[in-house]
N, C-alpha and C. Protein backbone atom coordinates (compact mmCIF):
# COMPACT_ATOMS: atom_id res chain seq x y z
N MET A 1 -38.42 -13.74 -2.44
CA MET A 1 -38.06 -13.36 -1.10
C MET A 1 -37.71 -11.88 -1.09
N THR A 2 -36.47 -11.49 -1.36
CA THR A 2 -36.18 -10.06 -1.43
C THR A 2 -36.64 -9.57 -2.78
N ILE A 3 -37.37 -8.56 -2.72
CA ILE A 3 -38.01 -8.08 -3.93
C ILE A 3 -37.48 -6.68 -4.22
N GLY A 4 -37.26 -6.35 -5.50
CA GLY A 4 -36.70 -5.10 -5.99
C GLY A 4 -37.00 -3.85 -5.19
N LYS A 5 -37.03 -2.76 -5.77
CA LYS A 5 -37.05 -1.40 -5.27
C LYS A 5 -37.82 -1.15 -3.98
N GLY A 6 -37.22 -1.44 -2.87
CA GLY A 6 -37.78 -1.04 -1.59
C GLY A 6 -38.85 -1.94 -1.01
N LYS A 7 -39.34 -2.93 -1.73
CA LYS A 7 -40.35 -3.81 -1.14
C LYS A 7 -39.67 -4.73 -0.15
N ARG A 8 -40.29 -4.88 1.00
CA ARG A 8 -39.71 -5.74 2.03
C ARG A 8 -40.58 -6.98 2.19
N PRO A 9 -39.97 -8.10 2.56
CA PRO A 9 -40.76 -9.32 2.76
C PRO A 9 -41.71 -9.17 3.95
N ARG A 10 -42.84 -9.87 3.89
CA ARG A 10 -43.82 -9.80 4.98
C ARG A 10 -43.49 -10.76 6.11
N ASP A 11 -42.90 -11.88 5.80
CA ASP A 11 -42.56 -12.86 6.82
C ASP A 11 -41.47 -12.29 7.73
N PRO A 12 -41.65 -12.36 9.08
CA PRO A 12 -40.66 -11.76 9.99
C PRO A 12 -39.25 -12.35 9.85
N ASN A 13 -39.15 -13.66 9.59
CA ASN A 13 -37.84 -14.26 9.44
C ASN A 13 -37.14 -13.78 8.16
N GLN A 14 -37.91 -13.71 7.10
CA GLN A 14 -37.34 -13.20 5.86
C GLN A 14 -37.01 -11.71 5.98
N LEU A 15 -37.84 -10.96 6.71
CA LEU A 15 -37.59 -9.55 6.94
C LEU A 15 -36.29 -9.35 7.72
N ALA A 16 -36.08 -10.19 8.74
CA ALA A 16 -34.86 -10.09 9.53
C ALA A 16 -33.64 -10.38 8.65
N LYS A 17 -33.75 -11.41 7.84
CA LYS A 17 -32.64 -11.74 6.94
C LYS A 17 -32.40 -10.60 5.96
N TRP A 18 -33.43 -10.02 5.42
CA TRP A 18 -33.32 -8.92 4.47
C TRP A 18 -32.65 -7.70 5.12
N ILE A 19 -33.02 -7.40 6.35
CA ILE A 19 -32.44 -6.25 7.07
C ILE A 19 -30.94 -6.47 7.31
N VAL A 20 -30.58 -7.71 7.71
CA VAL A 20 -29.16 -8.01 7.93
C VAL A 20 -28.39 -7.87 6.62
N GLU A 21 -28.94 -8.40 5.53
CA GLU A 21 -28.26 -8.30 4.25
C GLU A 21 -28.07 -6.84 3.82
N GLN A 22 -29.11 -6.05 3.99
CA GLN A 22 -29.03 -4.65 3.60
C GLN A 22 -28.03 -3.86 4.44
N SER A 23 -27.90 -4.21 5.70
CA SER A 23 -27.01 -3.45 6.57
C SER A 23 -25.56 -3.90 6.47
N THR A 24 -25.32 -5.09 5.93
CA THR A 24 -23.94 -5.60 5.86
C THR A 24 -23.39 -5.66 4.44
N VAL A 25 -24.11 -5.16 3.48
CA VAL A 25 -23.62 -5.15 2.11
C VAL A 25 -22.47 -4.17 2.00
N GLU A 26 -21.39 -4.59 1.34
CA GLU A 26 -20.25 -3.70 1.17
C GLU A 26 -20.56 -2.71 0.06
N ALA A 27 -20.16 -1.47 0.30
CA ALA A 27 -20.40 -0.42 -0.68
C ALA A 27 -19.49 -0.62 -1.88
N LYS A 28 -19.98 -0.27 -3.06
CA LYS A 28 -19.16 -0.35 -4.26
C LYS A 28 -18.11 0.75 -4.20
N PRO A 29 -16.89 0.45 -4.62
CA PRO A 29 -15.86 1.49 -4.58
C PRO A 29 -16.19 2.63 -5.54
N ILE A 30 -15.92 3.82 -5.09
CA ILE A 30 -16.18 5.00 -5.90
C ILE A 30 -14.96 5.25 -6.77
N ALA A 31 -15.21 5.52 -8.05
CA ALA A 31 -14.10 5.80 -8.97
C ALA A 31 -13.39 7.07 -8.53
N PRO A 32 -12.06 7.07 -8.57
CA PRO A 32 -11.34 8.27 -8.14
C PRO A 32 -11.60 9.43 -9.09
N GLY A 33 -11.77 10.60 -8.52
CA GLY A 33 -12.01 11.79 -9.32
C GLY A 33 -10.70 12.45 -9.69
N PRO A 34 -10.78 13.59 -10.32
CA PRO A 34 -9.55 14.29 -10.68
C PRO A 34 -8.83 14.78 -9.44
N GLU A 35 -7.50 14.87 -9.54
CA GLU A 35 -6.71 15.34 -8.40
C GLU A 35 -6.99 16.81 -8.15
N PRO A 36 -6.88 17.24 -6.90
CA PRO A 36 -7.09 18.65 -6.62
C PRO A 36 -6.01 19.49 -7.31
N PHE A 37 -6.37 20.69 -7.70
CA PHE A 37 -5.47 21.59 -8.42
C PHE A 37 -4.34 22.04 -7.51
N SER A 38 -3.13 21.92 -7.99
CA SER A 38 -1.96 22.35 -7.23
C SER A 38 -1.17 23.32 -8.11
N LEU A 39 -1.09 24.57 -7.68
CA LEU A 39 -0.40 25.58 -8.46
C LEU A 39 1.08 25.27 -8.56
N SER A 40 1.69 24.81 -7.48
CA SER A 40 3.12 24.53 -7.53
C SER A 40 3.44 23.38 -8.49
N ALA A 41 2.59 22.36 -8.53
CA ALA A 41 2.81 21.25 -9.46
C ALA A 41 2.66 21.73 -10.91
N TYR A 42 1.68 22.61 -11.13
CA TYR A 42 1.46 23.16 -12.47
C TYR A 42 2.66 23.99 -12.92
N MET A 43 3.17 24.84 -12.03
CA MET A 43 4.30 25.69 -12.37
C MET A 43 5.57 24.84 -12.60
N ALA A 44 5.74 23.77 -11.83
CA ALA A 44 6.89 22.89 -12.02
C ALA A 44 6.82 22.23 -13.40
N ALA A 45 5.63 21.81 -13.81
CA ALA A 45 5.47 21.19 -15.12
C ALA A 45 5.78 22.20 -16.23
N MET A 46 5.34 23.44 -16.04
CA MET A 46 5.63 24.47 -17.04
C MET A 46 7.13 24.73 -17.13
N GLY A 47 7.83 24.74 -16.01
CA GLY A 47 9.27 24.96 -16.01
C GLY A 47 10.01 23.84 -16.70
N ARG A 48 9.57 22.60 -16.45
CA ARG A 48 10.20 21.46 -17.13
C ARG A 48 10.00 21.56 -18.63
N LYS A 49 8.79 21.94 -19.04
CA LYS A 49 8.50 22.04 -20.47
C LYS A 49 9.39 23.10 -21.12
N GLY A 50 9.52 24.24 -20.48
CA GLY A 50 10.35 25.31 -21.02
C GLY A 50 11.81 24.91 -21.06
N GLY A 51 12.28 24.20 -20.04
CA GLY A 51 13.66 23.77 -20.02
C GLY A 51 13.97 22.76 -21.11
N MET A 52 13.01 21.93 -21.43
CA MET A 52 13.22 20.92 -22.46
C MET A 52 13.26 21.56 -23.85
N VAL A 53 12.49 22.63 -24.03
CA VAL A 53 12.44 23.29 -25.33
C VAL A 53 13.55 24.32 -25.45
N GLY A 54 13.91 24.99 -24.37
CA GLY A 54 14.80 26.14 -24.41
C GLY A 54 16.15 25.88 -25.03
N GLY A 55 16.83 24.81 -24.65
CA GLY A 55 18.16 24.53 -25.17
C GLY A 55 18.15 24.27 -26.67
N LYS A 56 17.16 23.54 -27.13
CA LYS A 56 17.07 23.23 -28.55
C LYS A 56 16.79 24.49 -29.36
N ARG A 57 15.89 25.31 -28.86
CA ARG A 57 15.56 26.55 -29.57
C ARG A 57 16.75 27.50 -29.57
N ARG A 58 17.48 27.56 -28.46
CA ARG A 58 18.64 28.43 -28.37
C ARG A 58 19.72 27.97 -29.34
N LEU A 59 19.89 26.66 -29.47
CA LEU A 59 20.89 26.12 -30.39
C LEU A 59 20.59 26.54 -31.83
N VAL A 60 19.34 26.55 -32.21
CA VAL A 60 18.97 26.90 -33.57
C VAL A 60 19.20 28.39 -33.83
N THR A 61 18.96 29.24 -32.85
CA THR A 61 19.03 30.68 -33.07
C THR A 61 20.44 31.24 -32.90
N MET A 62 21.34 30.51 -32.25
CA MET A 62 22.70 31.02 -32.05
C MET A 62 23.56 30.84 -33.29
N THR A 63 24.47 31.77 -33.48
CA THR A 63 25.43 31.65 -34.57
C THR A 63 26.53 30.68 -34.14
N PRO A 64 27.26 30.12 -35.08
CA PRO A 64 28.34 29.20 -34.71
C PRO A 64 29.37 29.86 -33.78
N ASP A 65 29.67 31.14 -34.02
CA ASP A 65 30.63 31.84 -33.16
C ASP A 65 30.09 31.98 -31.73
N ALA A 66 28.80 32.30 -31.61
CA ALA A 66 28.19 32.43 -30.28
C ALA A 66 28.16 31.09 -29.56
N ARG A 67 27.94 30.00 -30.32
CA ARG A 67 27.95 28.67 -29.71
C ARG A 67 29.35 28.32 -29.19
N LYS A 68 30.38 28.70 -29.95
CA LYS A 68 31.75 28.44 -29.50
C LYS A 68 32.07 29.19 -28.22
N LYS A 69 31.63 30.46 -28.15
CA LYS A 69 31.88 31.25 -26.94
C LYS A 69 31.15 30.66 -25.73
N ALA A 70 29.91 30.24 -25.94
CA ALA A 70 29.14 29.66 -24.85
C ALA A 70 29.76 28.35 -24.39
N ALA A 71 30.25 27.54 -25.34
CA ALA A 71 30.88 26.28 -24.99
C ALA A 71 32.19 26.52 -24.23
N ALA A 72 32.95 27.53 -24.66
CA ALA A 72 34.21 27.84 -23.98
C ALA A 72 33.95 28.31 -22.54
N ASN A 73 32.94 29.16 -22.36
CA ASN A 73 32.58 29.62 -21.02
C ASN A 73 32.13 28.45 -20.14
N ALA A 74 31.36 27.53 -20.71
CA ALA A 74 30.89 26.38 -19.94
C ALA A 74 32.06 25.48 -19.55
N ALA A 75 33.00 25.27 -20.48
CA ALA A 75 34.15 24.43 -20.18
C ALA A 75 35.02 25.08 -19.12
N GLN A 76 35.20 26.39 -19.20
CA GLN A 76 35.98 27.10 -18.20
C GLN A 76 35.33 26.99 -16.82
N ALA A 77 34.04 27.13 -16.78
CA ALA A 77 33.32 27.05 -15.51
C ALA A 77 33.41 25.65 -14.92
N ARG A 78 33.39 24.65 -15.79
CA ARG A 78 33.40 23.28 -15.28
C ARG A 78 34.80 22.78 -14.97
N TRP A 79 35.74 23.04 -15.85
CA TRP A 79 37.06 22.44 -15.74
C TRP A 79 38.16 23.41 -15.32
N GLY A 80 37.86 24.71 -15.32
CA GLY A 80 38.89 25.69 -15.01
C GLY A 80 39.39 25.56 -13.58
N LYS A 81 40.67 25.84 -13.37
CA LYS A 81 41.24 25.73 -12.04
C LYS A 81 40.90 26.97 -11.23
N LYS A 82 40.64 26.77 -9.97
CA LYS A 82 40.35 27.88 -9.09
C LYS A 82 41.66 28.52 -8.65
N ALA A 83 41.65 29.82 -8.53
CA ALA A 83 42.85 30.53 -8.11
C ALA A 83 43.13 30.24 -6.65
N LYS A 84 44.41 30.04 -6.33
CA LYS A 84 44.76 29.79 -4.94
C LYS A 84 44.81 31.11 -4.19
N ARG A 85 44.32 31.09 -2.96
CA ARG A 85 44.33 32.31 -2.15
C ARG A 85 45.35 32.17 -1.04
N ASP A 86 46.14 33.19 -0.84
CA ASP A 86 47.11 33.20 0.24
C ASP A 86 46.68 34.25 1.26
N ASP A 87 45.71 33.90 2.11
CA ASP A 87 45.18 34.84 3.09
C ASP A 87 45.93 34.80 4.41
N LYS A 88 46.85 33.91 4.59
CA LYS A 88 47.51 33.74 5.89
C LYS A 88 48.49 34.78 6.17
């Protein structure tokens, strides 16, 4: 009845059926391609990578005294009391 590459049936009833089948066949889904390039996403990934490496590399290169000073500054910034202001 329906015959391969482009041949159509000669019988009008079979031809009508073939035309309906050809026009109502669902298309095969197309595989998704690569995502479009986004500069901001690329730069964000680079920043995350640098941030993940930076602290570890800094720890290796700092002297113990420099690490103590940095830790003291961080503790002061986090836990230090703010000075009261008397502006009234």
